Amino acid sequence: MKREDLVDCQHDLGMFIRNNWLYDETSPLVRALRLLGIEEYNENVLSALIIEVFWEHLQGEEFIQNEFLERLKQHTTTY
């Protein structure tokens, strides 16, 4: 799959991520975000970013937490 085609994953996979990882304040992902100081985020933006970062991982790219947080910050009005 090409990067520009990742938007096709946003409905099904993105919905799964939002429903199972982002809407539940007790989920490990939300708790980890809180520990990093992220109190508010747009669930649609974050689920799309998670899909993109996973795609990058599948391409052999290294995950760098600070870069992920910066990308999230760029697309979220409240950080």
Protein backbone atom coordinates (compact mmCIF):
# COMPACT_ATOMS: atom_id res chain seq x y z
CA MET A 1 0.00 0.00 0.00
CA LYS A 2 1.24 3.46 -0.82
CA ARG A 3 1.32 6.20 1.84
CA GLU A 4 -1.29 8.21 -0.02
CA ASP A 5 -3.67 5.23 0.15
CA LEU A 6 -3.58 5.08 3.96
CA VAL A 7 -6.66 7.31 4.07
CA ASP A 8 -8.59 4.22 2.93
CA CYS A 9 -7.79 2.62 6.31
CA GLN A 10 -9.21 5.49 8.31
CA HIS A 11 -12.81 4.28 8.33
CA ASP A 12 -12.41 0.67 9.49
CA LEU A 13 -8.98 0.53 11.14
CA GLY A 14 -9.22 4.12 12.31
CA MET A 15 -12.60 3.43 13.89
CA PHE A 16 -11.19 0.37 15.64
CA ILE A 17 -8.30 2.44 17.05
CA ARG A 18 -10.62 5.21 18.19
CA ASN A 19 -13.21 2.89 19.75
CA ASN A 20 -10.76 0.53 21.46
CA TRP A 21 -7.76 2.71 22.29
CA LEU A 22 -8.74 6.39 22.35
CA TYR A 23 -12.27 6.79 23.69
CA ASP A 24 -11.56 4.75 26.84
CA GLU A 25 -9.72 6.93 29.37
CA THR A 26 -8.40 3.77 31.07
CA SER A 27 -6.77 2.32 27.94
CA PRO A 28 -2.99 1.86 28.09
CA LEU A 29 -2.52 4.22 25.13
CA VAL A 30 -4.51 7.05 26.72
CA ARG A 31 -2.70 6.55 30.02
CA ALA A 32 0.66 6.66 28.22
CA LEU A 33 -0.35 9.87 26.42
CA ARG A 34 -1.31 11.42 29.76
CA LEU A 35 2.09 10.48 31.22
CA LEU A 36 3.68 12.30 28.28
CA GLY A 37 1.65 15.40 29.12
CA ILE A 38 -0.88 15.06 26.32
CA GLU A 39 -4.24 15.91 27.85
CA GLU A 40 -6.27 16.68 24.73
CA TYR A 41 -6.07 15.45 21.15
CA ASN A 42 -8.29 14.94 18.14
CA GLU A 43 -9.15 11.24 17.97
CA ASN A 44 -9.40 11.28 14.17
CA VAL A 45 -6.00 12.91 13.81
CA LEU A 46 -4.37 10.59 16.32
CA SER A 47 -5.83 7.42 14.79
CA ALA A 48 -4.62 8.53 11.34
CA LEU A 49 -1.18 9.24 12.77
CA ILE A 50 -1.06 5.82 14.44
CA ILE A 51 -1.91 4.17 11.11
CA GLU A 52 0.78 6.21 9.35
CA VAL A 53 3.43 5.43 11.98
CA PHE A 54 2.60 1.72 11.81
CA TRP A 55 2.88 1.86 8.02
CA GLU A 56 6.29 3.49 8.42
CA HIS A 57 7.30 0.70 10.81
CA LEU A 58 6.31 -1.87 8.16
CA GLN A 59 8.53 0.02 5.72
CA GLY A 60 11.48 -0.45 8.09
CA GLU A 61 11.50 3.07 9.51
CA GLU A 62 12.45 3.53 13.14
CA PHE A 63 9.87 4.89 15.59
CA ILE A 64 11.14 8.01 17.30
CA GLN A 65 8.83 9.10 20.10
CA ASN A 66 9.77 12.79 19.99
CA GLU A 67 9.03 12.96 16.27
CA PHE A 68 5.67 11.26 16.80
CA LEU A 69 4.76 13.77 19.51
CA GLU A 70 5.82 16.67 17.32
CA ARG A 71 3.70 15.37 14.45
CA LEU A 72 0.75 15.02 16.81
CA LYS A 73 1.34 18.54 18.10
CA GLN A 74 1.38 19.94 14.55
CA HIS A 75 -2.07 18.51 13.87
CA THR A 76 -3.76 19.19 17.19
CA THR A 77 -5.00 22.58 18.20
CA THR A 78 -4.78 21.87 21.94
CA TYR A 79 -1.69 20.06 23.20
